[in-house]
């Protein structure tokens, strides 16, 4: 077990070292920002202290190793009414294959309202409208390497479109979850959005070049590529109370994004009779976000089907608060 653990930790550290080594921030220097909008109301209620806690189909977003906790089938859906009329929808599905492991699939779609085109000559608008959207499709796999250690990974296709221009690329997520054997202490680690640069292209980047021969062949405006929001997470979770009717969990997580300073999250969840949940969290070193609250209900729909409904509220300093609703089915 020790050899397996050392190997997995070494792999994660080797991949995450470049992100952790930078002495300066690159705020605003990466694209595909919709990948940073968290999903799953349970984990938002916890202030995103999720990497060591996640144990359902939302593992496709937070830590693919969490898929290994799923006993059969799990499907989840989240709707996020983000700031400035941005809407994000997320759906994920996971299924266990006996003696093999757990396979997961997810889709993320971000949309927004139409906007009016402005130019230097017409700064108040031309009357012509444009839109923007982004989506990501992911497939992942996880399994228990030992009775205590789980490892998971996923690949995702990322696509962004603004007016007639678009960009696409691939990214990878890797993660581990370890049950230490000391009471209920769990440790989770994750690298997300590891991939090459993306670059926009499209018909509006083409231009006519005035050549001395008099011909006007089409050329292209050269645009810079942009990095994906690479993020390294390390967290722990511990049950302060765990009996037949009550469970009280505390979670702490440190996060290092490649376009910002190091951040941290604190979260707590109280569960009564495995049916009713109350949650709260706090995000440290975030520009706008801070306090979070949430709750959920877990109920049976039949002999083999269960449903969970979660809600989360996230406070912002200068923007409107964000409300998230999630529903999931286990069968």
C-alpha atoms as a PDB file:
ATOM      1  CA  UNK A   1       0.000   0.000   0.000  1.00  0.00           C
ATOM      2  CA  UNK A   2       2.806   2.398   0.886  1.00  0.00           C
ATOM      3  CA  UNK A   3       4.388   1.952  -2.529  1.00  0.00           C
ATOM      4  CA  UNK A   4       1.101   2.631  -4.299  1.00  0.00           C
ATOM      5  CA  UNK A   5       0.441   5.727  -2.185  1.00  0.00           C
ATOM      6  CA  UNK A   6       3.932   7.122  -2.742  1.00  0.00           C
ATOM      7  CA  UNK A   7       3.620   6.556  -6.478  1.00  0.00           C
ATOM      8  CA  UNK A   8       0.241   8.334  -6.743  1.00  0.00           C
ATOM      9  CA  UNK A   9       1.349  11.253  -4.598  1.00  0.00           C
ATOM     10  CA  UNK A  10       4.560  11.610  -6.605  1.00  0.00           C
ATOM     11  CA  UNK A  11       2.590  11.717  -9.855  1.00  0.00           C
ATOM     12  CA  UNK A  12       0.279  14.430  -8.563  1.00  0.00           C
ATOM     13  CA  UNK A  13       3.130  16.498  -7.151  1.00  0.00           C
ATOM     14  CA  UNK A  14       5.091  16.211 -10.394  1.00  0.00           C
ATOM     15  CA  UNK A  15       2.140  17.452 -12.404  1.00  0.00           C
ATOM     16  CA  UNK A  16       1.200  20.177  -9.938  1.00  0.00           C
ATOM     17  CA  UNK A  17       4.690  21.480  -9.242  1.00  0.00           C
ATOM     18  CA  UNK A  18       4.763  23.984 -12.143  1.00  0.00           C
ATOM     19  CA  UNK A  19       1.551  25.577 -10.918  1.00  0.00           C
ATOM     20  CA  UNK A  20       2.828  25.800  -7.365  1.00  0.00           C
ATOM     21  CA  UNK A  21       6.247  27.154  -8.263  1.00  0.00           C
ATOM     22  CA  UNK A  22       5.161  30.527  -9.660  1.00  0.00           C
ATOM     23  CA  UNK A  23       5.938  33.543  -7.494  1.00  0.00           C
ATOM     24  CA  UNK A  24       3.434  35.834  -9.208  1.00  0.00           C
ATOM     25  CA  UNK A  25      -0.214  35.631 -10.149  1.00  0.00           C
ATOM     26  CA  UNK A  26      -1.608  35.613 -13.666  1.00  0.00           C
ATOM     27  CA  UNK A  27      -5.084  36.909 -12.900  1.00  0.00           C
ATOM     28  CA  UNK A  28      -7.181  37.130 -16.056  1.00  0.00           C
ATOM     29  CA  UNK A  29      -4.619  35.285 -18.175  1.00  0.00           C
ATOM     30  CA  UNK A  30      -6.484  32.007 -18.712  1.00  0.00           C
ATOM     31  CA  UNK A  31      -9.611  31.193 -20.670  1.00  0.00           C
ATOM     32  CA  UNK A  32     -12.470  28.689 -20.390  1.00  0.00           C
ATOM     33  CA  UNK A  33     -13.463  30.364 -17.136  1.00  0.00           C
ATOM     34  CA  UNK A  34     -16.759  28.469 -17.082  1.00  0.00           C
ATOM     35  CA  UNK A  35     -14.751  25.424 -15.952  1.00  0.00           C
ATOM     36  CA  UNK A  36     -14.210  27.232 -12.635  1.00  0.00           C
ATOM     37  CA  UNK A  37     -17.930  27.577 -11.852  1.00  0.00           C
ATOM     38  CA  UNK A  38     -18.483  24.860  -9.264  1.00  0.00           C
ATOM     39  CA  UNK A  39     -21.336  22.378  -9.569  1.00  0.00           C
ATOM     40  CA  UNK A  40     -23.280  20.280  -7.094  1.00  0.00           C
ATOM     41  CA  UNK A  41     -25.170  22.231  -4.435  1.00  0.00           C
ATOM     42  CA  UNK A  42     -23.824  19.996  -1.680  1.00  0.00           C
ATOM     43  CA  UNK A  43     -20.260  21.018  -2.414  1.00  0.00           C
ATOM     44  CA  UNK A  44     -21.117  24.678  -2.859  1.00  0.00           C
ATOM     45  CA  UNK A  45     -22.819  24.623   0.535  1.00  0.00           C
ATOM     46  CA  UNK A  46     -19.520  23.300   1.911  1.00  0.00           C
ATOM     47  CA  UNK A  47     -17.656  26.275   0.470  1.00  0.00           C
ATOM     48  CA  UNK A  48     -16.111  23.972  -2.166  1.00  0.00           C
ATOM     49  CA  UNK A  49     -14.152  22.010   0.455  1.00  0.00           C
ATOM     50  CA  UNK A  50     -14.929  18.933  -1.589  1.00  0.00           C
ATOM     51  CA  UNK A  51     -11.875  17.050  -2.829  1.00  0.00           C
ATOM     52  CA  UNK A  52     -11.799  14.647   0.155  1.00  0.00           C
ATOM     53  CA  UNK A  53     -15.597  14.509   0.580  1.00  0.00           C
ATOM     54  CA  UNK A  54     -17.071  13.952  -2.884  1.00  0.00           C
ATOM     55  CA  UNK A  55     -18.571  10.478  -3.286  1.00  0.00           C
ATOM     56  CA  UNK A  56     -21.152  10.718  -6.096  1.00  0.00           C
ATOM     57  CA  UNK A  57     -21.340  11.512  -9.817  1.00  0.00           C
ATOM     58  CA  UNK A  58     -20.137  15.082  -9.103  1.00  0.00           C
ATOM     59  CA  UNK A  59     -16.721  13.463  -8.686  1.00  0.00           C
ATOM     60  CA  UNK A  60     -16.406  14.059 -12.423  1.00  0.00           C
ATOM     61  CA  UNK A  61     -15.933  17.742 -11.559  1.00  0.00           C
ATOM     62  CA  UNK A  62     -14.269  17.791  -8.119  1.00  0.00           C
ATOM     63  CA  UNK A  63     -12.128  14.657  -7.982  1.00  0.00           C
ATOM     64  CA  UNK A  64     -12.576  11.652 -10.291  1.00  0.00           C
ATOM     65  CA  UNK A  65     -11.271   9.319  -7.566  1.00  0.00           C
ATOM     66  CA  UNK A  66     -14.568   9.872  -5.721  1.00  0.00           C
ATOM     67  CA  UNK A  67     -16.339   7.808  -8.392  1.00  0.00           C
ATOM     68  CA  UNK A  68     -14.961   4.705  -6.689  1.00  0.00           C
ATOM     69  CA  UNK A  69     -17.422   5.273  -3.798  1.00  0.00           C
ATOM     70  CA  UNK A  70     -20.499   4.794  -6.014  1.00  0.00           C
ATOM     71  CA  UNK A  71     -22.125   1.372  -5.335  1.00  0.00           C
ATOM     72  CA  UNK A  72     -24.242   1.075  -8.501  1.00  0.00           C
ATOM     73  CA  UNK A  73     -25.639   3.914 -10.657  1.00  0.00           C
ATOM     74  CA  UNK A  74     -25.824   7.648  -9.981  1.00  0.00           C
ATOM     75  CA  UNK A  75     -27.165  10.507 -12.116  1.00  0.00           C
ATOM     76  CA  UNK A  76     -27.057  14.175 -11.074  1.00  0.00           C
ATOM     77  CA  UNK A  77     -28.124  17.548 -12.453  1.00  0.00           C
ATOM     78  CA  UNK A  78     -27.301  21.109 -11.355  1.00  0.00           C
ATOM     79  CA  UNK A  79     -28.631  24.470 -12.526  1.00  0.00           C
ATOM     80  CA  UNK A  80     -26.572  27.559 -11.683  1.00  0.00           C
ATOM     81  CA  UNK A  81     -27.927  31.074 -12.178  1.00  0.00           C
ATOM     82  CA  UNK A  82     -24.518  32.726 -12.273  1.00  0.00           C
ATOM     83  CA  UNK A  83     -23.822  36.469 -12.154  1.00  0.00           C
ATOM     84  CA  UNK A  84     -24.724  38.859 -15.020  1.00  0.00           C
ATOM     85  CA  UNK A  85     -27.399  36.562 -16.508  1.00  0.00           C
ATOM     86  CA  UNK A  86     -24.995  33.703 -17.154  1.00  0.00           C
ATOM     87  CA  UNK A  87     -26.640  30.262 -16.833  1.00  0.00           C
ATOM     88  CA  UNK A  88     -24.733  27.018 -16.375  1.00  0.00           C
ATOM     89  CA  UNK A  89     -26.262  23.533 -16.533  1.00  0.00           C
ATOM     90  CA  UNK A  90     -24.380  20.389 -15.563  1.00  0.00           C
ATOM     91  CA  UNK A  91     -25.340  16.724 -15.803  1.00  0.00           C
ATOM     92  CA  UNK A  92     -23.280  13.681 -14.854  1.00  0.00           C
ATOM     93  CA  UNK A  93     -23.797   9.933 -14.806  1.00  0.00           C
ATOM     94  CA  UNK A  94     -21.743   7.173 -13.208  1.00  0.00           C
ATOM     95  CA  UNK A  95     -22.114   3.413 -13.263  1.00  0.00           C
ATOM     96  CA  UNK A  96     -20.206   0.600 -11.582  1.00  0.00           C
ATOM     97  CA  UNK A  97     -18.964  -2.352 -13.598  1.00  0.00           C
ATOM     98  CA  UNK A  98     -18.264  -5.324 -11.331  1.00  0.00           C
ATOM     99  CA  UNK A  99     -14.612  -6.311 -10.958  1.00  0.00           C
ATOM    100  CA  UNK A 100     -13.579  -3.383 -13.174  1.00  0.00           C
ATOM    101  CA  UNK A 101     -14.411  -0.058 -11.550  1.00  0.00           C
ATOM    102  CA  UNK A 102     -16.707   2.931 -12.011  1.00  0.00           C
ATOM    103  CA  UNK A 103     -17.164   4.798 -15.288  1.00  0.00           C
ATOM    104  CA  UNK A 104     -18.392   8.394 -15.329  1.00  0.00           C
ATOM    105  CA  UNK A 105     -19.663  10.834 -17.954  1.00  0.00           C
ATOM    106  CA  UNK A 106     -20.580  14.514 -17.687  1.00  0.00           C
ATOM    107  CA  UNK A 107     -21.664  17.486 -19.772  1.00  0.00           C
ATOM    108  CA  UNK A 108     -21.392  21.182 -18.919  1.00  0.00           C
ATOM    109  CA  UNK A 109     -23.181  23.913 -20.869  1.00  0.00           C
ATOM    110  CA  UNK A 110     -22.864  27.655 -20.238  1.00  0.00           C
ATOM    111  CA  UNK A 111     -25.091  30.150 -22.055  1.00  0.00           C
ATOM    112  CA  UNK A 112     -25.839  33.855 -21.778  1.00  0.00           C
ATOM    113  CA  UNK A 113     -28.173  36.415 -23.303  1.00  0.00           C
ATOM    114  CA  UNK A 114     -27.562  38.132 -26.625  1.00  0.00           C
ATOM    115  CA  UNK A 115     -25.360  41.234 -26.583  1.00  0.00           C
ATOM    116  CA  UNK A 116     -25.190  44.166 -28.978  1.00  0.00           C
ATOM    117  CA  UNK A 117     -22.117  44.623 -31.142  1.00  0.00           C
ATOM    118  CA  UNK A 118     -20.228  47.901 -30.628  1.00  0.00           C
ATOM    119  CA  UNK A 119     -17.443  49.407 -32.708  1.00  0.00           C
ATOM    120  CA  UNK A 120     -15.065  52.350 -32.454  1.00  0.00           C
ATOM    121  CA  UNK A 121     -17.331  54.339 -34.760  1.00  0.00           C
ATOM    122  CA  UNK A 122     -20.532  53.154 -33.040  1.00  0.00           C
ATOM    123  CA  UNK A 123     -19.719  52.774 -29.336  1.00  0.00           C
ATOM    124  CA  UNK A 124     -23.419  52.816 -28.403  1.00  0.00           C
ATOM    125  CA  UNK A 125     -24.146  49.793 -30.567  1.00  0.00           C
ATOM    126  CA  UNK A 126     -24.643  48.840 -34.188  1.00  0.00           C
ATOM    127  CA  UNK A 127     -28.029  47.209 -33.773  1.00  0.00           C
ATOM    128  CA  UNK A 128     -26.536  43.805 -34.622  1.00  0.00           C
ATOM    129  CA  UNK A 129     -26.495  41.167 -31.856  1.00  0.00           C
ATOM    130  CA  UNK A 130     -24.093  38.347 -31.006  1.00  0.00           C
ATOM    131  CA  UNK A 131     -24.010  35.545 -28.447  1.00  0.00           C
ATOM    132  CA  UNK A 132     -21.447  33.438 -26.611  1.00  0.00           C
ATOM    133  CA  UNK A 133     -21.522  29.935 -25.197  1.00  0.00           C
ATOM    134  CA  UNK A 134     -19.226  27.197 -23.893  1.00  0.00           C
ATOM    135  CA  UNK A 135     -19.486  23.498 -23.203  1.00  0.00           C
ATOM    136  CA  UNK A 136     -17.396  20.582 -21.985  1.00  0.00           C
ATOM    137  CA  UNK A 137     -17.889  16.819 -22.368  1.00  0.00           C
ATOM    138  CA  UNK A 138     -16.033  14.444 -20.041  1.00  0.00           C
ATOM    139  CA  UNK A 139     -15.477  10.715 -19.619  1.00  0.00           C
ATOM    140  CA  UNK A 140     -13.741   9.243 -16.589  1.00  0.00           C
ATOM    141  CA  UNK A 141     -12.877   6.091 -14.677  1.00  0.00           C
ATOM    142  CA  UNK A 142     -11.977   5.277 -11.071  1.00  0.00           C
ATOM    143  CA  UNK A 143     -11.302   2.204  -8.991  1.00  0.00           C
ATOM    144  CA  UNK A 144      -9.996   1.227  -5.583  1.00  0.00           C
ATOM    145  CA  UNK A 145      -6.323   0.305  -5.809  1.00  0.00           C
ATOM    146  CA  UNK A 146      -6.439  -0.966  -2.225  1.00  0.00           C
ATOM    147  CA  UNK A 147      -9.117  -1.094   0.471  1.00  0.00           C
ATOM    148  CA  UNK A 148      -8.124   2.454   1.453  1.00  0.00           C
ATOM    149  CA  UNK A 149      -6.782   4.124  -1.701  1.00  0.00           C
ATOM    150  CA  UNK A 150      -8.824   5.121  -4.770  1.00  0.00           C
ATOM    151  CA  UNK A 151      -7.471   6.616  -7.988  1.00  0.00           C
ATOM    152  CA  UNK A 152      -9.401   8.213 -10.845  1.00  0.00           C
ATOM    153  CA  UNK A 153      -8.892  10.140 -14.047  1.00  0.00           C
ATOM    154  CA  UNK A 154     -10.928  11.748 -16.801  1.00  0.00           C
ATOM    155  CA  UNK A 155     -10.561  13.353 -20.211  1.00  0.00           C
ATOM    156  CA  UNK A 156     -12.683  16.281 -21.349  1.00  0.00           C
ATOM    157  CA  UNK A 157     -13.354  18.085 -24.606  1.00  0.00           C
ATOM    158  CA  UNK A 158     -13.684  21.858 -24.135  1.00  0.00           C
ATOM    159  CA  UNK A 159     -15.348  24.195 -26.642  1.00  0.00           C
ATOM    160  CA  UNK A 160     -15.940  27.969 -26.562  1.00  0.00           C
ATOM    161  CA  UNK A 161     -17.728  30.180 -29.080  1.00  0.00           C
ATOM    162  CA  UNK A 162     -18.023  33.988 -29.329  1.00  0.00           C
ATOM    163  CA  UNK A 163     -20.007  35.284 -32.318  1.00  0.00           C
ATOM    164  CA  UNK A 164     -18.480  33.472 -35.330  1.00  0.00           C
ATOM    165  CA  UNK A 165     -15.193  32.551 -33.638  1.00  0.00           C
ATOM    166  CA  UNK A 166     -14.522  29.389 -31.663  1.00  0.00           C
ATOM    167  CA  UNK A 167     -11.796  27.506 -29.820  1.00  0.00           C
ATOM    168  CA  UNK A 168     -11.541  23.894 -28.681  1.00  0.00           C
ATOM    169  CA  UNK A 169      -9.153  21.524 -26.962  1.00  0.00           C
ATOM    170  CA  UNK A 170      -8.723  18.585 -24.610  1.00  0.00           C
ATOM    171  CA  UNK A 171      -7.911  18.495 -20.894  1.00  0.00           C
ATOM    172  CA  UNK A 172      -7.309  15.859 -18.231  1.00  0.00           C
ATOM    173  CA  UNK A 173      -8.192  15.462 -14.542  1.00  0.00           C
ATOM    174  CA  UNK A 174      -6.444  13.146 -12.065  1.00  0.00           C
ATOM    175  CA  UNK A 175      -7.145  12.512  -8.414  1.00  0.00           C
ATOM    176  CA  UNK A 176      -6.777  10.270  -5.373  1.00  0.00           C
ATOM    177  CA  UNK A 177      -8.729   9.687  -2.171  1.00  0.00           C
ATOM    178  CA  UNK A 178      -7.143   7.961   0.821  1.00  0.00           C
ATOM    179  CA  UNK A 179      -8.810   6.623   3.948  1.00  0.00           C
ATOM    180  CA  UNK A 180      -5.943   6.882   6.394  1.00  0.00           C
ATOM    181  CA  UNK A 181      -7.176   4.296   8.886  1.00  0.00           C
ATOM    182  CA  UNK A 182      -7.141   6.858  11.679  1.00  0.00           C
ATOM    183  CA  UNK A 183     -10.821   6.975  12.613  1.00  0.00           C
ATOM    184  CA  UNK A 184     -12.671   8.662   9.704  1.00  0.00           C
ATOM    185  CA  UNK A 185      -9.823  10.849   8.417  1.00  0.00           C
ATOM    186  CA  UNK A 186      -9.772  11.115   4.608  1.00  0.00           C
ATOM    187  CA  UNK A 187      -7.290  12.876   2.343  1.00  0.00           C
ATOM    188  CA  UNK A 188      -8.041  13.918  -1.220  1.00  0.00           C
ATOM    189  CA  UNK A 189      -5.885  15.369  -4.009  1.00  0.00           C
ATOM    190  CA  UNK A 190      -6.785  16.497  -7.506  1.00  0.00           C
ATOM    191  CA  UNK A 191      -5.280  18.078 -10.626  1.00  0.00           C
ATOM    192  CA  UNK A 192      -7.925  19.473 -12.968  1.00  0.00           C
ATOM    193  CA  UNK A 193      -7.889  20.988 -16.463  1.00  0.00           C
ATOM    194  CA  UNK A 194      -4.428  19.866 -17.434  1.00  0.00           C
ATOM    195  CA  UNK A 195      -4.137  20.518 -21.150  1.00  0.00           C
ATOM    196  CA  UNK A 196      -2.591  22.463 -24.000  1.00  0.00           C
ATOM    197  CA  UNK A 197      -3.400  26.056 -24.966  1.00  0.00           C
ATOM    198  CA  UNK A 198      -6.577  26.874 -26.845  1.00  0.00           C
ATOM    199  CA  UNK A 199      -6.796  29.512 -29.594  1.00  0.00           C
ATOM    200  CA  UNK A 200      -9.757  31.215 -31.235  1.00  0.00           C
ATOM    201  CA  UNK A 201     -10.248  31.049 -34.990  1.00  0.00           C
ATOM    202  CA  UNK A 202     -13.067  31.957 -37.359  1.00  0.00           C
ATOM    203  CA  UNK A 203     -14.169  34.007 -40.376  1.00  0.00           C
ATOM    204  CA  UNK A 204     -14.056  37.370 -38.566  1.00  0.00           C
ATOM    205  CA  UNK A 205     -10.324  36.926 -38.017  1.00  0.00           C
ATOM    206  CA  UNK A 206      -9.731  36.817 -41.758  1.00  0.00           C
ATOM    207  CA  UNK A 207      -8.644  39.981 -43.530  1.00  0.00           C
ATOM    208  CA  UNK A 208      -7.695  41.078 -47.063  1.00  0.00           C
ATOM    209  CA  UNK A 209      -4.015  41.780 -47.440  1.00  0.00           C
ATOM    210  CA  UNK A 210      -3.030  44.514 -49.899  1.00  0.00           C
ATOM    211  CA  UNK A 211      -0.304  42.899 -52.007  1.00  0.00           C
ATOM    212  CA  UNK A 212       1.944  44.761 -54.469  1.00  0.00           C
ATOM    213  CA  UNK A 213       0.710  42.478 -57.232  1.00  0.00           C
ATOM    214  CA  UNK A 214      -2.744  43.916 -56.864  1.00  0.00           C
ATOM    215  CA  UNK A 215      -4.277  40.646 -55.718  1.00  0.00           C
ATOM    216  CA  UNK A 216      -6.053  40.439 -52.380  1.00  0.00           C
ATOM    217  CA  UNK A 217      -5.591  36.948 -50.965  1.00  0.00           C
ATOM    218  CA  UNK A 218      -7.147  36.230 -47.615  1.00  0.00           C
ATOM    219  CA  UNK A 219      -4.910  36.237 -44.574  1.00  0.00           C
ATOM    220  CA  UNK A 220      -5.685  35.707 -40.901  1.00  0.00           C
ATOM    221  CA  UNK A 221      -5.292  37.948 -37.884  1.00  0.00           C
ATOM    222  CA  UNK A 222      -2.911  36.155 -35.518  1.00  0.00           C
ATOM    223  CA  UNK A 223      -4.363  35.749 -32.034  1.00  0.00           C
ATOM    224  CA  UNK A 224      -2.606  34.539 -28.901  1.00  0.00           C
ATOM    225  CA  UNK A 225      -3.451  31.204 -27.364  1.00  0.00           C
ATOM    226  CA  UNK A 226      -4.646  30.961 -23.785  1.00  0.00           C
ATOM    227  CA  UNK A 227      -4.158  28.438 -20.989  1.00  0.00           C
ATOM    228  CA  UNK A 228      -6.918  26.405 -19.385  1.00  0.00           C
ATOM    229  CA  UNK A 229      -7.679  27.040 -15.672  1.00  0.00           C
ATOM    230  CA  UNK A 230      -5.292  24.453 -14.232  1.00  0.00           C
ATOM    231  CA  UNK A 231      -6.034  23.845 -10.547  1.00  0.00           C
ATOM    232  CA  UNK A 232      -4.355  21.761  -7.830  1.00  0.00           C
ATOM    233  CA  UNK A 233      -6.434  20.794  -4.771  1.00  0.00           C
ATOM    234  CA  UNK A 234      -5.444  19.130  -1.503  1.00  0.00           C
ATOM    235  CA  UNK A 235      -7.962  18.544   1.279  1.00  0.00           C
ATOM    236  CA  UNK A 236      -8.911  16.529   4.354  1.00  0.00           C
ATOM    237  CA  UNK A 237     -12.235  15.526   5.886  1.00  0.00           C
ATOM    238  CA  UNK A 238     -13.092  14.158   9.327  1.00  0.00           C
ATOM    239  CA  UNK A 239     -16.323  13.094  11.036  1.00  0.00           C
ATOM    240  CA  UNK A 240     -16.501  14.740  14.447  1.00  0.00           C
ATOM    241  CA  UNK A 241     -19.678  12.788  15.192  1.00  0.00           C
ATOM    242  CA  UNK A 242     -20.937   9.589  13.589  1.00  0.00           C
ATOM    243  CA  UNK A 243     -23.677   7.386  15.019  1.00  0.00           C
ATOM    244  CA  UNK A 244     -27.008   5.888  13.962  1.00  0.00           C
ATOM    245  CA  UNK A 245     -28.851   9.225  13.795  1.00  0.00           C
ATOM    246  CA  UNK A 246     -26.184  11.909  13.528  1.00  0.00           C
ATOM    247  CA  UNK A 247     -23.109  12.632  11.459  1.00  0.00           C
ATOM    248  CA  UNK A 248     -21.124  15.857  11.645  1.00  0.00           C
ATOM    249  CA  UNK A 249     -18.345  16.282   9.095  1.00  0.00           C
ATOM    250  CA  UNK A 250     -15.639  18.938   8.878  1.00  0.00           C
ATOM    251  CA  UNK A 251     -13.622  19.540   5.695  1.00  0.00           C
ATOM    252  CA  UNK A 252     -10.636  21.761   4.874  1.00  0.00           C
ATOM    253  CA  UNK A 253      -9.150  22.306   1.435  1.00  0.00           C
ATOM    254  CA  UNK A 254      -6.257  24.261  -0.070  1.00  0.00           C
ATOM    255  CA  UNK A 255      -6.368  25.204  -3.745  1.00  0.00           C
ATOM    256  CA  UNK A 256      -3.792  26.659  -6.118  1.00  0.00           C
ATOM    257  CA  UNK A 257      -5.140  27.927  -9.460  1.00  0.00           C
ATOM    258  CA  UNK A 258      -2.707  28.910 -12.195  1.00  0.00           C
ATOM    259  CA  UNK A 259      -4.328  32.347 -12.582  1.00  0.00           C
ATOM    260  CA  UNK A 260      -4.590  33.459  -8.966  1.00  0.00           C
ATOM    261  CA  UNK A 261      -3.070  33.289  -5.513  1.00  0.00           C
ATOM    262  CA  UNK A 262      -3.488  30.284  -3.250  1.00  0.00           C
ATOM    263  CA  UNK A 263      -6.994  29.891  -1.843  1.00  0.00           C
ATOM    264  CA  UNK A 264      -8.634  27.784   0.850  1.00  0.00           C
ATOM    265  CA  UNK A 265     -12.072  26.548   1.854  1.00  0.00           C
ATOM    266  CA  UNK A 266     -13.667  25.475   5.122  1.00  0.00           C
ATOM    267  CA  UNK A 267     -16.865  23.439   5.181  1.00  0.00           C
ATOM    268  CA  UNK A 268     -19.110  21.595   7.594  1.00  0.00           C
ATOM    269  CA  UNK A 269     -22.089  19.285   7.095  1.00  0.00           C
ATOM    270  CA  UNK A 270     -24.585  17.928   9.627  1.00  0.00           C
ATOM    271  CA  UNK A 271     -26.674  14.902   8.675  1.00  0.00           C
ATOM    272  CA  UNK A 272     -29.708  13.662  10.646  1.00  0.00           C
ATOM    273  CA  UNK A 273     -30.917  10.096  10.136  1.00  0.00           C
ATOM    274  CA  UNK A 274     -29.191   9.973   6.722  1.00  0.00           C
ATOM    275  CA  UNK A 275     -32.100  12.012   5.346  1.00  0.00           C
ATOM    276  CA  UNK A 276     -31.712  15.685   6.278  1.00  0.00           C
ATOM    277  CA  UNK A 277     -28.622  17.841   5.720  1.00  0.00           C
ATOM    278  CA  UNK A 278     -27.463  21.293   6.771  1.00  0.00           C
ATOM    279  CA  UNK A 279     -24.236  22.791   5.434  1.00  0.00           C
ATOM    280  CA  UNK A 280     -22.093  25.876   5.700  1.00  0.00           C
ATOM    281  CA  UNK A 281     -18.734  26.961   4.400  1.00  0.00           C
ATOM    282  CA  UNK A 282     -16.355  29.838   3.898  1.00  0.00           C
ATOM    283  CA  UNK A 283     -13.959  30.613   1.040  1.00  0.00           C
ATOM    284  CA  UNK A 284     -10.651  32.256   1.969  1.00  0.00           C
ATOM    285  CA  UNK A 285      -8.700  34.645  -0.278  1.00  0.00           C
ATOM    286  CA  UNK A 286     -11.434  34.905  -2.911  1.00  0.00           C
ATOM    287  CA  UNK A 287     -11.973  38.396  -4.368  1.00  0.00           C
ATOM    288  CA  UNK A 288     -15.785  38.358  -4.182  1.00  0.00           C
ATOM    289  CA  UNK A 289     -16.959  35.109  -2.641  1.00  0.00           C
ATOM    290  CA  UNK A 290     -17.005  34.196   1.036  1.00  0.00           C
ATOM    291  CA  UNK A 291     -19.829  32.704   3.082  1.00  0.00           C
ATOM    292  CA  UNK A 292     -21.968  29.812   1.833  1.00  0.00           C
ATOM    293  CA  UNK A 293     -25.019  27.967   3.167  1.00  0.00           C
ATOM    294  CA  UNK A 294     -26.996  24.963   1.987  1.00  0.00           C
ATOM    295  CA  UNK A 295     -29.210  22.033   2.780  1.00  0.00           C
ATOM    296  CA  UNK A 296     -30.579  18.854   1.316  1.00  0.00           C
ATOM    297  CA  UNK A 297     -33.078  16.015   1.563  1.00  0.00           C
ATOM    298  CA  UNK A 298     -32.412  12.349   0.800  1.00  0.00           C
ATOM    299  CA  UNK A 299     -35.475  10.195   0.237  1.00  0.00           C
ATOM    300  CA  UNK A 300     -36.418   6.774  -1.106  1.00  0.00           C
ATOM    301  CA  UNK A 301     -38.525   6.442  -4.269  1.00  0.00           C
ATOM    302  CA  UNK A 302     -38.752   2.665  -4.143  1.00  0.00           C
ATOM    303  CA  UNK A 303     -36.876  -0.464  -3.176  1.00  0.00           C
ATOM    304  CA  UNK A 304     -33.821   0.365  -5.288  1.00  0.00           C
ATOM    305  CA  UNK A 305     -34.159   4.050  -6.168  1.00  0.00           C
ATOM    306  CA  UNK A 306     -33.256   7.064  -4.027  1.00  0.00           C
ATOM    307  CA  UNK A 307     -33.456  10.781  -4.739  1.00  0.00           C
ATOM    308  CA  UNK A 308     -31.458  13.645  -3.264  1.00  0.00           C
ATOM    309  CA  UNK A 309     -32.373  17.329  -3.611  1.00  0.00           C
ATOM    310  CA  UNK A 310     -29.843  19.992  -2.604  1.00  0.00           C
ATOM    311  CA  UNK A 311     -29.790  23.781  -2.459  1.00  0.00           C
ATOM    312  CA  UNK A 312     -26.883  26.183  -1.907  1.00  0.00           C
ATOM    313  CA  UNK A 313     -26.512  29.937  -1.498  1.00  0.00           C
ATOM    314  CA  UNK A 314     -23.225  31.761  -2.160  1.00  0.00           C
ATOM    315  CA  UNK A 315     -22.666  35.337  -1.064  1.00  0.00           C
ATOM    316  CA  UNK A 316     -20.783  37.946  -3.110  1.00  0.00           C
ATOM    317  CA  UNK A 317     -19.405  41.278  -1.906  1.00  0.00           C
ATOM    318  CA  UNK A 318     -20.532  43.501  -4.783  1.00  0.00           C
ATOM    319  CA  UNK A 319     -22.584  41.199  -7.028  1.00  0.00           C
ATOM    320  CA  UNK A 320     -25.888  39.446  -6.590  1.00  0.00           C
ATOM    321  CA  UNK A 321     -25.893  36.254  -4.546  1.00  0.00           C
ATOM    322  CA  UNK A 322     -25.889  32.972  -6.473  1.00  0.00           C
ATOM    323  CA  UNK A 323     -28.462  30.228  -5.930  1.00  0.00           C
ATOM    324  CA  UNK A 324     -27.846  26.627  -6.977  1.00  0.00           C
ATOM    325  CA  UNK A 325     -30.311  23.748  -7.186  1.00  0.00           C
ATOM    326  CA  UNK A 326     -29.319  20.130  -7.679  1.00  0.00           C
ATOM    327  CA  UNK A 327     -31.180  16.848  -7.995  1.00  0.00           C
ATOM    328  CA  UNK A 328     -29.762  13.348  -8.127  1.00  0.00           C
ATOM    329  CA  UNK A 329     -30.970   9.769  -8.404  1.00  0.00           C
ATOM    330  CA  UNK A 330     -29.268   6.612  -7.196  1.00  0.00           C
ATOM    331  CA  UNK A 331     -30.456   3.286  -8.525  1.00  0.00           C
END
